[in-house]
């Protein structure tokens, strides 16, 4: 960016980032319905691809063979944290495509209450965006999961990719309702911090570098992202429901034979609490805090509030 003969490469300061977040919220609220929905589908597909990337990286990662000489070899487990870190770094590809490529992601749009709190958008306009984008994200994620299933990627790696996808789905549908809400709160606090940091970026490289640490952190820590789960769990369900021959070969390696994997458990035991938690984490823990610090009315600031 340049001003006259001066080239500005420094990142925006937080106060300016808050004003930018407000303006972006206004622009998002003003998008046309079809464009908003189409951008939501794109975001769902982007996040799904990041989730698929992570699933593939995790597949068969539990143990590696280490050579200790010409005739000796032994296996060693890759530490759990390292496995999660690797998956988190590659999963960040999804949000990078959303932010740099341009798409509408429900969890990132949980920063829109900054514009709402400043009375620059109405409650109806904000909720309209959330509902349309959420539905678009759902369509993009689930459709991507189904197309990947049709490609039989779950059979890759000797079936290791499918087994990993099934175990991920089982783990997510096994969470308690409150547990899922809490994990989702922290997830979207980190996702919205990644988006927030991008508001200060001057270049594409800055955005990429800003996104990777918070996103890899939420994945490594096992937090719950509603849009990612729109891929992870349907991916497991498609394998279970539509490839019974493959599922029969791995069912013995699954908790309770994968019985907990149902569409009802996906929607009500995971997606619902994850969505609630994501709204709290993004809207209050990030958007609400930064609005209070930088954008609240001047009279409250003068009063020291």
C-alpha atoms as a PDB file:
ATOM      1  CA  UNK A   1       0.000   0.000   0.000  1.00  0.00           C
ATOM      2  CA  UNK A   2       1.308   3.487  -0.755  1.00  0.00           C
ATOM      3  CA  UNK A   3       0.432   7.017   0.278  1.00  0.00           C
ATOM      4  CA  UNK A   4       1.968   9.570  -2.083  1.00  0.00           C
ATOM      5  CA  UNK A   5       5.622   8.614  -2.242  1.00  0.00           C
ATOM      6  CA  UNK A   6       5.467   6.654   1.031  1.00  0.00           C
ATOM      7  CA  UNK A   7       4.990   2.882   0.943  1.00  0.00           C
ATOM      8  CA  UNK A   8       3.273   1.538   4.057  1.00  0.00           C
ATOM      9  CA  UNK A   9       4.097  -2.068   4.930  1.00  0.00           C
ATOM     10  CA  UNK A  10       3.379  -2.029   8.660  1.00  0.00           C
ATOM     11  CA  UNK A  11       0.349  -3.955   9.906  1.00  0.00           C
ATOM     12  CA  UNK A  12      -2.698  -2.006  11.040  1.00  0.00           C
ATOM     13  CA  UNK A  13      -2.880  -1.277  14.744  1.00  0.00           C
ATOM     14  CA  UNK A  14      -5.658  -2.942  16.798  1.00  0.00           C
ATOM     15  CA  UNK A  15      -7.800   0.196  16.959  1.00  0.00           C
ATOM     16  CA  UNK A  16      -7.763   0.440  13.160  1.00  0.00           C
ATOM     17  CA  UNK A  17      -8.419  -3.298  12.915  1.00  0.00           C
ATOM     18  CA  UNK A  18     -11.557  -2.806  15.011  1.00  0.00           C
ATOM     19  CA  UNK A  19     -12.831  -0.120  12.642  1.00  0.00           C
ATOM     20  CA  UNK A  20     -12.056  -2.390   9.689  1.00  0.00           C
ATOM     21  CA  UNK A  21     -13.941  -5.277  11.333  1.00  0.00           C
ATOM     22  CA  UNK A  22     -16.943  -2.973  11.759  1.00  0.00           C
ATOM     23  CA  UNK A  23     -16.896  -1.955   8.093  1.00  0.00           C
ATOM     24  CA  UNK A  24     -16.492  -5.560   6.948  1.00  0.00           C
ATOM     25  CA  UNK A  25     -19.512  -6.502   9.066  1.00  0.00           C
ATOM     26  CA  UNK A  26     -21.555  -3.834   7.292  1.00  0.00           C
ATOM     27  CA  UNK A  27     -20.433  -5.112   3.877  1.00  0.00           C
ATOM     28  CA  UNK A  28     -21.258  -8.704   4.786  1.00  0.00           C
ATOM     29  CA  UNK A  29     -24.744  -7.737   5.943  1.00  0.00           C
ATOM     30  CA  UNK A  30     -25.368  -5.997   2.608  1.00  0.00           C
ATOM     31  CA  UNK A  31     -24.547  -8.947   0.352  1.00  0.00           C
ATOM     32  CA  UNK A  32     -27.306 -10.206  -1.926  1.00  0.00           C
ATOM     33  CA  UNK A  33     -28.959 -13.481  -0.932  1.00  0.00           C
ATOM     34  CA  UNK A  34     -27.701 -15.593  -3.845  1.00  0.00           C
ATOM     35  CA  UNK A  35     -24.172 -14.240  -3.658  1.00  0.00           C
ATOM     36  CA  UNK A  36     -24.111 -14.766   0.123  1.00  0.00           C
ATOM     37  CA  UNK A  37     -25.338 -18.364  -0.226  1.00  0.00           C
ATOM     38  CA  UNK A  38     -22.872 -19.151  -3.037  1.00  0.00           C
ATOM     39  CA  UNK A  39     -19.973 -17.727  -1.005  1.00  0.00           C
ATOM     40  CA  UNK A  40     -21.177 -19.835   1.918  1.00  0.00           C
ATOM     41  CA  UNK A  41     -21.061 -22.972  -0.231  1.00  0.00           C
ATOM     42  CA  UNK A  42     -17.506 -22.104  -1.253  1.00  0.00           C
ATOM     43  CA  UNK A  43     -16.417 -21.631   2.361  1.00  0.00           C
ATOM     44  CA  UNK A  44     -17.961 -24.959   3.357  1.00  0.00           C
ATOM     45  CA  UNK A  45     -16.099 -26.679   0.535  1.00  0.00           C
ATOM     46  CA  UNK A  46     -12.815 -24.957   1.449  1.00  0.00           C
ATOM     47  CA  UNK A  47     -13.068 -25.982   5.107  1.00  0.00           C
ATOM     48  CA  UNK A  48     -14.041 -29.508   4.030  1.00  0.00           C
ATOM     49  CA  UNK A  49     -10.897 -29.756   1.916  1.00  0.00           C
ATOM     50  CA  UNK A  50      -8.795 -28.653   4.859  1.00  0.00           C
ATOM     51  CA  UNK A  51     -10.530 -31.285   6.997  1.00  0.00           C
ATOM     52  CA  UNK A  52      -9.950 -33.942   4.351  1.00  0.00           C
ATOM     53  CA  UNK A  53      -6.296 -32.925   4.171  1.00  0.00           C
ATOM     54  CA  UNK A  54      -5.972 -33.356   7.938  1.00  0.00           C
ATOM     55  CA  UNK A  55      -7.745 -36.745   7.841  1.00  0.00           C
ATOM     56  CA  UNK A  56      -5.339 -37.968   5.170  1.00  0.00           C
ATOM     57  CA  UNK A  57      -2.305 -36.791   7.140  1.00  0.00           C
ATOM     58  CA  UNK A  58      -3.584 -38.470  10.317  1.00  0.00           C
ATOM     59  CA  UNK A  59      -4.262 -41.766   8.525  1.00  0.00           C
ATOM     60  CA  UNK A  60      -1.822 -44.439   9.672  1.00  0.00           C
ATOM     61  CA  UNK A  61       0.212 -41.915  11.649  1.00  0.00           C
ATOM     62  CA  UNK A  62       0.080 -43.809  14.939  1.00  0.00           C
ATOM     63  CA  UNK A  63       3.249 -45.774  14.339  1.00  0.00           C
ATOM     64  CA  UNK A  64       6.267 -45.570  12.067  1.00  0.00           C
ATOM     65  CA  UNK A  65       8.946 -48.118  11.294  1.00  0.00           C
ATOM     66  CA  UNK A  66      12.429 -47.113  12.374  1.00  0.00           C
ATOM     67  CA  UNK A  67      15.432 -48.942  10.974  1.00  0.00           C
ATOM     68  CA  UNK A  68      18.101 -49.852  13.515  1.00  0.00           C
ATOM     69  CA  UNK A  69      20.414 -51.704  11.178  1.00  0.00           C
ATOM     70  CA  UNK A  70      20.345 -53.943   8.153  1.00  0.00           C
ATOM     71  CA  UNK A  71      18.421 -56.752   9.844  1.00  0.00           C
ATOM     72  CA  UNK A  72      16.625 -54.948  12.675  1.00  0.00           C
ATOM     73  CA  UNK A  73      13.617 -52.694  12.665  1.00  0.00           C
ATOM     74  CA  UNK A  74      11.144 -51.619  15.324  1.00  0.00           C
ATOM     75  CA  UNK A  75       8.053 -49.470  15.561  1.00  0.00           C
ATOM     76  CA  UNK A  76       7.689 -46.306  17.567  1.00  0.00           C
ATOM     77  CA  UNK A  77       4.534 -44.310  18.230  1.00  0.00           C
ATOM     78  CA  UNK A  78       4.447 -40.718  17.034  1.00  0.00           C
ATOM     79  CA  UNK A  79       3.488 -38.633  20.102  1.00  0.00           C
ATOM     80  CA  UNK A  80      -0.177 -37.625  20.221  1.00  0.00           C
ATOM     81  CA  UNK A  81       0.610 -33.909  20.297  1.00  0.00           C
ATOM     82  CA  UNK A  82       2.815 -34.123  17.207  1.00  0.00           C
ATOM     83  CA  UNK A  83       0.060 -35.964  15.337  1.00  0.00           C
ATOM     84  CA  UNK A  84      -2.427 -33.250  16.260  1.00  0.00           C
ATOM     85  CA  UNK A  85       0.018 -30.486  15.321  1.00  0.00           C
ATOM     86  CA  UNK A  86       0.611 -31.929  11.859  1.00  0.00           C
ATOM     87  CA  UNK A  87      -3.118 -32.209  11.218  1.00  0.00           C
ATOM     88  CA  UNK A  88      -3.694 -28.687  12.488  1.00  0.00           C
ATOM     89  CA  UNK A  89      -1.082 -27.120  10.243  1.00  0.00           C
ATOM     90  CA  UNK A  90      -2.555 -28.682   7.109  1.00  0.00           C
ATOM     91  CA  UNK A  91      -6.157 -28.016   8.203  1.00  0.00           C
ATOM     92  CA  UNK A  92      -5.321 -24.288   8.175  1.00  0.00           C
ATOM     93  CA  UNK A  93      -5.372 -24.575   4.368  1.00  0.00           C
ATOM     94  CA  UNK A  94      -9.168 -24.339   4.579  1.00  0.00           C
ATOM     95  CA  UNK A  95      -9.295 -20.950   6.298  1.00  0.00           C
ATOM     96  CA  UNK A  96      -6.466 -19.638   4.131  1.00  0.00           C
ATOM     97  CA  UNK A  97      -8.616 -20.351   1.058  1.00  0.00           C
ATOM     98  CA  UNK A  98     -11.628 -18.716   2.724  1.00  0.00           C
ATOM     99  CA  UNK A  99      -9.803 -15.512   3.684  1.00  0.00           C
ATOM    100  CA  UNK A 100      -7.493 -15.087   0.707  1.00  0.00           C
ATOM    101  CA  UNK A 101      -9.801 -16.537  -1.933  1.00  0.00           C
ATOM    102  CA  UNK A 102     -12.899 -14.818  -0.596  1.00  0.00           C
ATOM    103  CA  UNK A 103     -15.829 -16.747   0.887  1.00  0.00           C
ATOM    104  CA  UNK A 104     -18.410 -16.463   3.669  1.00  0.00           C
ATOM    105  CA  UNK A 105     -17.725 -18.603   6.747  1.00  0.00           C
ATOM    106  CA  UNK A 106     -20.269 -18.707   9.567  1.00  0.00           C
ATOM    107  CA  UNK A 107     -17.687 -18.970  12.337  1.00  0.00           C
ATOM    108  CA  UNK A 108     -15.670 -16.010  11.043  1.00  0.00           C
ATOM    109  CA  UNK A 109     -18.881 -14.000  10.657  1.00  0.00           C
ATOM    110  CA  UNK A 110     -19.373 -14.282  14.411  1.00  0.00           C
ATOM    111  CA  UNK A 111     -17.339 -11.038  14.436  1.00  0.00           C
ATOM    112  CA  UNK A 112     -20.307  -9.227  12.852  1.00  0.00           C
ATOM    113  CA  UNK A 113     -21.744  -8.310  16.304  1.00  0.00           C
ATOM    114  CA  UNK A 114     -19.047  -5.609  16.414  1.00  0.00           C
ATOM    115  CA  UNK A 115     -20.958  -3.735  13.686  1.00  0.00           C
ATOM    116  CA  UNK A 116     -24.292  -4.654  15.334  1.00  0.00           C
ATOM    117  CA  UNK A 117     -23.207  -3.308  18.732  1.00  0.00           C
ATOM    118  CA  UNK A 118     -22.272  -0.013  17.068  1.00  0.00           C
ATOM    119  CA  UNK A 119     -25.762   0.085  15.482  1.00  0.00           C
ATOM    120  CA  UNK A 120     -24.328  -0.037  11.967  1.00  0.00           C
ATOM    121  CA  UNK A 121     -26.319  -3.137  11.079  1.00  0.00           C
ATOM    122  CA  UNK A 122     -29.654  -4.381  12.396  1.00  0.00           C
ATOM    123  CA  UNK A 123     -30.283  -7.590  14.290  1.00  0.00           C
ATOM    124  CA  UNK A 124     -32.296  -8.872  11.342  1.00  0.00           C
ATOM    125  CA  UNK A 125     -29.487  -8.171   8.874  1.00  0.00           C
ATOM    126  CA  UNK A 126     -26.939  -9.969  11.038  1.00  0.00           C
ATOM    127  CA  UNK A 127     -29.160 -13.002  11.619  1.00  0.00           C
ATOM    128  CA  UNK A 128     -30.012 -13.112   7.900  1.00  0.00           C
ATOM    129  CA  UNK A 129     -26.315 -13.375   7.110  1.00  0.00           C
ATOM    130  CA  UNK A 130     -25.737 -16.041   9.745  1.00  0.00           C
ATOM    131  CA  UNK A 131     -28.624 -18.237   8.599  1.00  0.00           C
ATOM    132  CA  UNK A 132     -27.880 -18.012   4.864  1.00  0.00           C
ATOM    133  CA  UNK A 133     -24.127 -18.478   5.311  1.00  0.00           C
ATOM    134  CA  UNK A 134     -24.643 -21.363   7.756  1.00  0.00           C
ATOM    135  CA  UNK A 135     -26.891 -23.160   5.276  1.00  0.00           C
ATOM    136  CA  UNK A 136     -24.391 -22.502   2.477  1.00  0.00           C
ATOM    137  CA  UNK A 137     -21.551 -23.846   4.618  1.00  0.00           C
ATOM    138  CA  UNK A 138     -23.616 -26.966   5.356  1.00  0.00           C
ATOM    139  CA  UNK A 139     -24.322 -27.596   1.679  1.00  0.00           C
ATOM    140  CA  UNK A 140     -20.690 -27.033   0.661  1.00  0.00           C
ATOM    141  CA  UNK A 141     -19.258 -29.238   3.410  1.00  0.00           C
ATOM    142  CA  UNK A 142     -21.685 -32.152   3.089  1.00  0.00           C
ATOM    143  CA  UNK A 143     -21.572 -32.113  -0.707  1.00  0.00           C
ATOM    144  CA  UNK A 144     -17.773 -32.190  -0.607  1.00  0.00           C
ATOM    145  CA  UNK A 145     -17.886 -35.105   1.836  1.00  0.00           C
ATOM    146  CA  UNK A 146     -20.203 -37.024  -0.480  1.00  0.00           C
ATOM    147  CA  UNK A 147     -18.140 -36.359  -3.595  1.00  0.00           C
ATOM    148  CA  UNK A 148     -14.980 -37.471  -1.791  1.00  0.00           C
ATOM    149  CA  UNK A 149     -16.829 -40.622  -0.716  1.00  0.00           C
ATOM    150  CA  UNK A 150     -17.756 -41.280  -4.360  1.00  0.00           C
ATOM    151  CA  UNK A 151     -14.052 -41.022  -5.168  1.00  0.00           C
ATOM    152  CA  UNK A 152     -13.488 -43.885  -2.666  1.00  0.00           C
ATOM    153  CA  UNK A 153     -10.703 -41.996  -0.964  1.00  0.00           C
ATOM    154  CA  UNK A 154     -11.602 -43.851   2.227  1.00  0.00           C
ATOM    155  CA  UNK A 155     -10.041 -46.966   0.702  1.00  0.00           C
ATOM    156  CA  UNK A 156      -6.661 -45.269   0.215  1.00  0.00           C
ATOM    157  CA  UNK A 157      -3.713 -46.321   2.336  1.00  0.00           C
ATOM    158  CA  UNK A 158      -5.067 -49.846   2.640  1.00  0.00           C
ATOM    159  CA  UNK A 159      -8.271 -48.420   4.103  1.00  0.00           C
ATOM    160  CA  UNK A 160      -6.432 -46.318   6.696  1.00  0.00           C
ATOM    161  CA  UNK A 161      -8.040 -43.064   5.508  1.00  0.00           C
ATOM    162  CA  UNK A 162     -11.540 -44.457   5.992  1.00  0.00           C
ATOM    163  CA  UNK A 163     -10.727 -45.905   9.409  1.00  0.00           C
ATOM    164  CA  UNK A 164      -9.365 -42.525  10.484  1.00  0.00           C
ATOM    165  CA  UNK A 165     -12.470 -40.740   9.185  1.00  0.00           C
ATOM    166  CA  UNK A 166     -14.719 -43.155  11.077  1.00  0.00           C
ATOM    167  CA  UNK A 167     -12.790 -42.745  14.320  1.00  0.00           C
ATOM    168  CA  UNK A 168     -12.962 -38.958  14.011  1.00  0.00           C
ATOM    169  CA  UNK A 169     -16.723 -39.112  13.503  1.00  0.00           C
ATOM    170  CA  UNK A 170     -17.159 -41.448  16.469  1.00  0.00           C
ATOM    171  CA  UNK A 171     -15.030 -39.257  18.743  1.00  0.00           C
ATOM    172  CA  UNK A 172     -17.028 -36.151  17.858  1.00  0.00           C
ATOM    173  CA  UNK A 173     -20.477 -37.734  18.264  1.00  0.00           C
ATOM    174  CA  UNK A 174     -19.373 -39.232  21.599  1.00  0.00           C
ATOM    175  CA  UNK A 175     -18.859 -35.841  23.255  1.00  0.00           C
ATOM    176  CA  UNK A 176     -21.210 -34.706  25.998  1.00  0.00           C
ATOM    177  CA  UNK A 177     -23.473 -31.749  25.140  1.00  0.00           C
ATOM    178  CA  UNK A 178     -21.844 -29.303  27.591  1.00  0.00           C
ATOM    179  CA  UNK A 179     -18.386 -30.624  26.803  1.00  0.00           C
ATOM    180  CA  UNK A 180     -18.968 -29.924  23.108  1.00  0.00           C
ATOM    181  CA  UNK A 181     -20.174 -26.374  23.830  1.00  0.00           C
ATOM    182  CA  UNK A 182     -17.075 -25.577  25.883  1.00  0.00           C
ATOM    183  CA  UNK A 183     -14.706 -27.052  23.279  1.00  0.00           C
ATOM    184  CA  UNK A 184     -16.521 -25.049  20.597  1.00  0.00           C
ATOM    185  CA  UNK A 185     -16.211 -21.804  22.582  1.00  0.00           C
ATOM    186  CA  UNK A 186     -12.436 -22.069  22.596  1.00  0.00           C
ATOM    187  CA  UNK A 187     -12.391 -23.188  18.974  1.00  0.00           C
ATOM    188  CA  UNK A 188     -14.094 -20.114  17.600  1.00  0.00           C
ATOM    189  CA  UNK A 189     -12.193 -17.794  19.894  1.00  0.00           C
ATOM    190  CA  UNK A 190      -9.091 -19.012  18.049  1.00  0.00           C
ATOM    191  CA  UNK A 191     -10.731 -18.975  14.595  1.00  0.00           C
ATOM    192  CA  UNK A 192     -11.958 -15.408  15.092  1.00  0.00           C
ATOM    193  CA  UNK A 193      -8.537 -14.402  16.382  1.00  0.00           C
ATOM    194  CA  UNK A 194      -7.075 -15.743  13.123  1.00  0.00           C
ATOM    195  CA  UNK A 195      -9.583 -13.650  11.155  1.00  0.00           C
ATOM    196  CA  UNK A 196      -8.943 -10.662  13.438  1.00  0.00           C
ATOM    197  CA  UNK A 197      -5.188 -10.889  12.868  1.00  0.00           C
ATOM    198  CA  UNK A 198      -5.829 -10.891   9.116  1.00  0.00           C
ATOM    199  CA  UNK A 199      -7.580  -7.516   9.477  1.00  0.00           C
ATOM    200  CA  UNK A 200      -4.165  -6.054  10.283  1.00  0.00           C
ATOM    201  CA  UNK A 201      -2.391  -7.713   7.346  1.00  0.00           C
ATOM    202  CA  UNK A 202      -1.091  -5.758   4.370  1.00  0.00           C
ATOM    203  CA  UNK A 203      -0.258  -8.697   2.077  1.00  0.00           C
ATOM    204  CA  UNK A 204      -1.325 -12.254   1.285  1.00  0.00           C
ATOM    205  CA  UNK A 205       1.747 -13.674   2.991  1.00  0.00           C
ATOM    206  CA  UNK A 206       0.871 -11.785   6.163  1.00  0.00           C
ATOM    207  CA  UNK A 207      -2.592 -13.360   6.169  1.00  0.00           C
ATOM    208  CA  UNK A 208      -1.266 -16.873   5.655  1.00  0.00           C
ATOM    209  CA  UNK A 209       1.221 -16.501   8.503  1.00  0.00           C
ATOM    210  CA  UNK A 210      -1.454 -15.009  10.759  1.00  0.00           C
ATOM    211  CA  UNK A 211      -3.887 -17.858  10.129  1.00  0.00           C
ATOM    212  CA  UNK A 212      -1.711 -20.919  10.717  1.00  0.00           C
ATOM    213  CA  UNK A 213      -0.860 -20.616  14.468  1.00  0.00           C
ATOM    214  CA  UNK A 214      -4.410 -20.081  15.840  1.00  0.00           C
ATOM    215  CA  UNK A 215      -5.972 -22.658  13.508  1.00  0.00           C
ATOM    216  CA  UNK A 216      -3.342 -25.306  14.155  1.00  0.00           C
ATOM    217  CA  UNK A 217      -3.803 -24.605  17.875  1.00  0.00           C
ATOM    218  CA  UNK A 218      -7.553 -25.280  17.851  1.00  0.00           C
ATOM    219  CA  UNK A 219      -7.129 -28.514  15.898  1.00  0.00           C
ATOM    220  CA  UNK A 220      -4.216 -29.708  18.019  1.00  0.00           C
ATOM    221  CA  UNK A 221      -6.186 -29.019  21.203  1.00  0.00           C
ATOM    222  CA  UNK A 222      -9.215 -30.953  19.974  1.00  0.00           C
ATOM    223  CA  UNK A 223     -11.666 -28.042  19.914  1.00  0.00           C
ATOM    224  CA  UNK A 224     -14.951 -28.238  17.997  1.00  0.00           C
ATOM    225  CA  UNK A 225     -15.667 -26.274  14.799  1.00  0.00           C
ATOM    226  CA  UNK A 226     -19.242 -26.595  13.535  1.00  0.00           C
ATOM    227  CA  UNK A 227     -18.400 -26.124   9.847  1.00  0.00           C
ATOM    228  CA  UNK A 228     -15.481 -28.565   9.942  1.00  0.00           C
ATOM    229  CA  UNK A 229     -17.802 -31.052  11.632  1.00  0.00           C
ATOM    230  CA  UNK A 230     -20.220 -30.635   8.713  1.00  0.00           C
ATOM    231  CA  UNK A 231     -17.510 -32.502   6.799  1.00  0.00           C
ATOM    232  CA  UNK A 232     -15.899 -34.763   9.405  1.00  0.00           C
ATOM    233  CA  UNK A 233     -19.066 -36.487  10.653  1.00  0.00           C
ATOM    234  CA  UNK A 234     -20.999 -36.826   7.358  1.00  0.00           C
ATOM    235  CA  UNK A 235     -17.800 -38.224   5.839  1.00  0.00           C
ATOM    236  CA  UNK A 236     -17.891 -41.021   8.435  1.00  0.00           C
ATOM    237  CA  UNK A 237     -21.637 -41.485   7.994  1.00  0.00           C
ATOM    238  CA  UNK A 238     -21.381 -41.872   4.218  1.00  0.00           C
ATOM    239  CA  UNK A 239     -18.757 -44.590   4.684  1.00  0.00           C
ATOM    240  CA  UNK A 240     -20.920 -46.413   7.235  1.00  0.00           C
ATOM    241  CA  UNK A 241     -24.208 -46.085   5.342  1.00  0.00           C
ATOM    242  CA  UNK A 242     -23.146 -46.435   1.716  1.00  0.00           C
ATOM    243  CA  UNK A 243     -20.144 -48.802   1.773  1.00  0.00           C
ATOM    244  CA  UNK A 244     -21.233 -51.630   4.066  1.00  0.00           C
ATOM    245  CA  UNK A 245     -18.626 -54.005   2.651  1.00  0.00           C
ATOM    246  CA  UNK A 246     -15.751 -51.725   3.649  1.00  0.00           C
ATOM    247  CA  UNK A 247     -17.396 -50.822   6.959  1.00  0.00           C
ATOM    248  CA  UNK A 248     -17.716 -54.518   7.871  1.00  0.00           C
ATOM    249  CA  UNK A 249     -13.947 -54.941   7.485  1.00  0.00           C
ATOM    250  CA  UNK A 250     -13.128 -52.190   9.999  1.00  0.00           C
ATOM    251  CA  UNK A 251     -16.100 -52.261  12.392  1.00  0.00           C
ATOM    252  CA  UNK A 252     -14.238 -54.478  14.869  1.00  0.00           C
ATOM    253  CA  UNK A 253     -11.648 -51.697  15.273  1.00  0.00           C
ATOM    254  CA  UNK A 254     -14.265 -49.072  16.130  1.00  0.00           C
ATOM    255  CA  UNK A 255     -15.706 -48.146  19.518  1.00  0.00           C
ATOM    256  CA  UNK A 256     -18.948 -50.138  19.959  1.00  0.00           C
ATOM    257  CA  UNK A 257     -18.750 -51.033  16.298  1.00  0.00           C
ATOM    258  CA  UNK A 258     -19.527 -47.434  15.306  1.00  0.00           C
ATOM    259  CA  UNK A 259     -23.094 -47.644  16.650  1.00  0.00           C
ATOM    260  CA  UNK A 260     -23.027 -44.030  17.849  1.00  0.00           C
ATOM    261  CA  UNK A 261     -22.574 -42.789  14.274  1.00  0.00           C
ATOM    262  CA  UNK A 262     -26.079 -41.659  13.296  1.00  0.00           C
ATOM    263  CA  UNK A 263     -27.444 -38.552  11.596  1.00  0.00           C
ATOM    264  CA  UNK A 264     -29.434 -37.735  14.728  1.00  0.00           C
ATOM    265  CA  UNK A 265     -26.330 -37.795  16.932  1.00  0.00           C
ATOM    266  CA  UNK A 266     -24.513 -35.661  14.381  1.00  0.00           C
ATOM    267  CA  UNK A 267     -27.200 -32.968  14.294  1.00  0.00           C
ATOM    268  CA  UNK A 268     -28.257 -32.841  17.938  1.00  0.00           C
ATOM    269  CA  UNK A 269     -25.296 -34.139  19.947  1.00  0.00           C
ATOM    270  CA  UNK A 270     -22.554 -32.362  18.021  1.00  0.00           C
ATOM    271  CA  UNK A 271     -23.624 -29.796  15.438  1.00  0.00           C
ATOM    272  CA  UNK A 272     -26.107 -28.013  17.723  1.00  0.00           C
ATOM    273  CA  UNK A 273     -23.802 -27.616  20.755  1.00  0.00           C
ATOM    274  CA  UNK A 274     -20.817 -26.853  18.513  1.00  0.00           C
ATOM    275  CA  UNK A 275     -22.782 -24.056  16.841  1.00  0.00           C
ATOM    276  CA  UNK A 276     -23.857 -22.608  20.203  1.00  0.00           C
ATOM    277  CA  UNK A 277     -20.298 -22.684  21.493  1.00  0.00           C
ATOM    278  CA  UNK A 278     -18.869 -21.190  18.308  1.00  0.00           C
ATOM    279  CA  UNK A 279     -21.271 -18.236  18.542  1.00  0.00           C
ATOM    280  CA  UNK A 280     -20.285 -17.590  22.163  1.00  0.00           C
ATOM    281  CA  UNK A 281     -16.559 -17.910  21.496  1.00  0.00           C
ATOM    282  CA  UNK A 282     -16.475 -15.678  18.425  1.00  0.00           C
ATOM    283  CA  UNK A 283     -19.123 -13.099  19.292  1.00  0.00           C
ATOM    284  CA  UNK A 284     -18.333 -12.550  22.963  1.00  0.00           C
ATOM    285  CA  UNK A 285     -14.751 -13.633  23.593  1.00  0.00           C
ATOM    286  CA  UNK A 286     -13.301 -11.896  20.517  1.00  0.00           C
ATOM    287  CA  UNK A 287     -15.819  -9.560  18.869  1.00  0.00           C
ATOM    288  CA  UNK A 288     -17.415  -8.408  22.118  1.00  0.00           C
ATOM    289  CA  UNK A 289     -14.114  -7.806  23.882  1.00  0.00           C
ATOM    290  CA  UNK A 290     -12.566  -5.813  21.041  1.00  0.00           C
ATOM    291  CA  UNK A 291     -15.752  -3.794  20.582  1.00  0.00           C
ATOM    292  CA  UNK A 292     -15.702  -2.927  24.284  1.00  0.00           C
ATOM    293  CA  UNK A 293     -12.025  -1.961  24.176  1.00  0.00           C
ATOM    294  CA  UNK A 294     -12.001   0.112  20.977  1.00  0.00           C
ATOM    295  CA  UNK A 295     -15.508   0.875  19.708  1.00  0.00           C
ATOM    296  CA  UNK A 296     -17.861   1.413  22.650  1.00  0.00           C
ATOM    297  CA  UNK A 297     -19.532   4.866  22.832  1.00  0.00           C
ATOM    298  CA  UNK A 298     -17.311   7.781  23.797  1.00  0.00           C
ATOM    299  CA  UNK A 299     -19.417   8.692  26.827  1.00  0.00           C
ATOM    300  CA  UNK A 300     -18.622   5.365  28.480  1.00  0.00           C
ATOM    301  CA  UNK A 301     -14.934   5.911  27.818  1.00  0.00           C
ATOM    302  CA  UNK A 302     -15.077   9.377  29.373  1.00  0.00           C
ATOM    303  CA  UNK A 303     -16.808   7.884  32.402  1.00  0.00           C
ATOM    304  CA  UNK A 304     -14.004   5.354  32.708  1.00  0.00           C
ATOM    305  CA  UNK A 305     -16.318   2.413  31.955  1.00  0.00           C
END
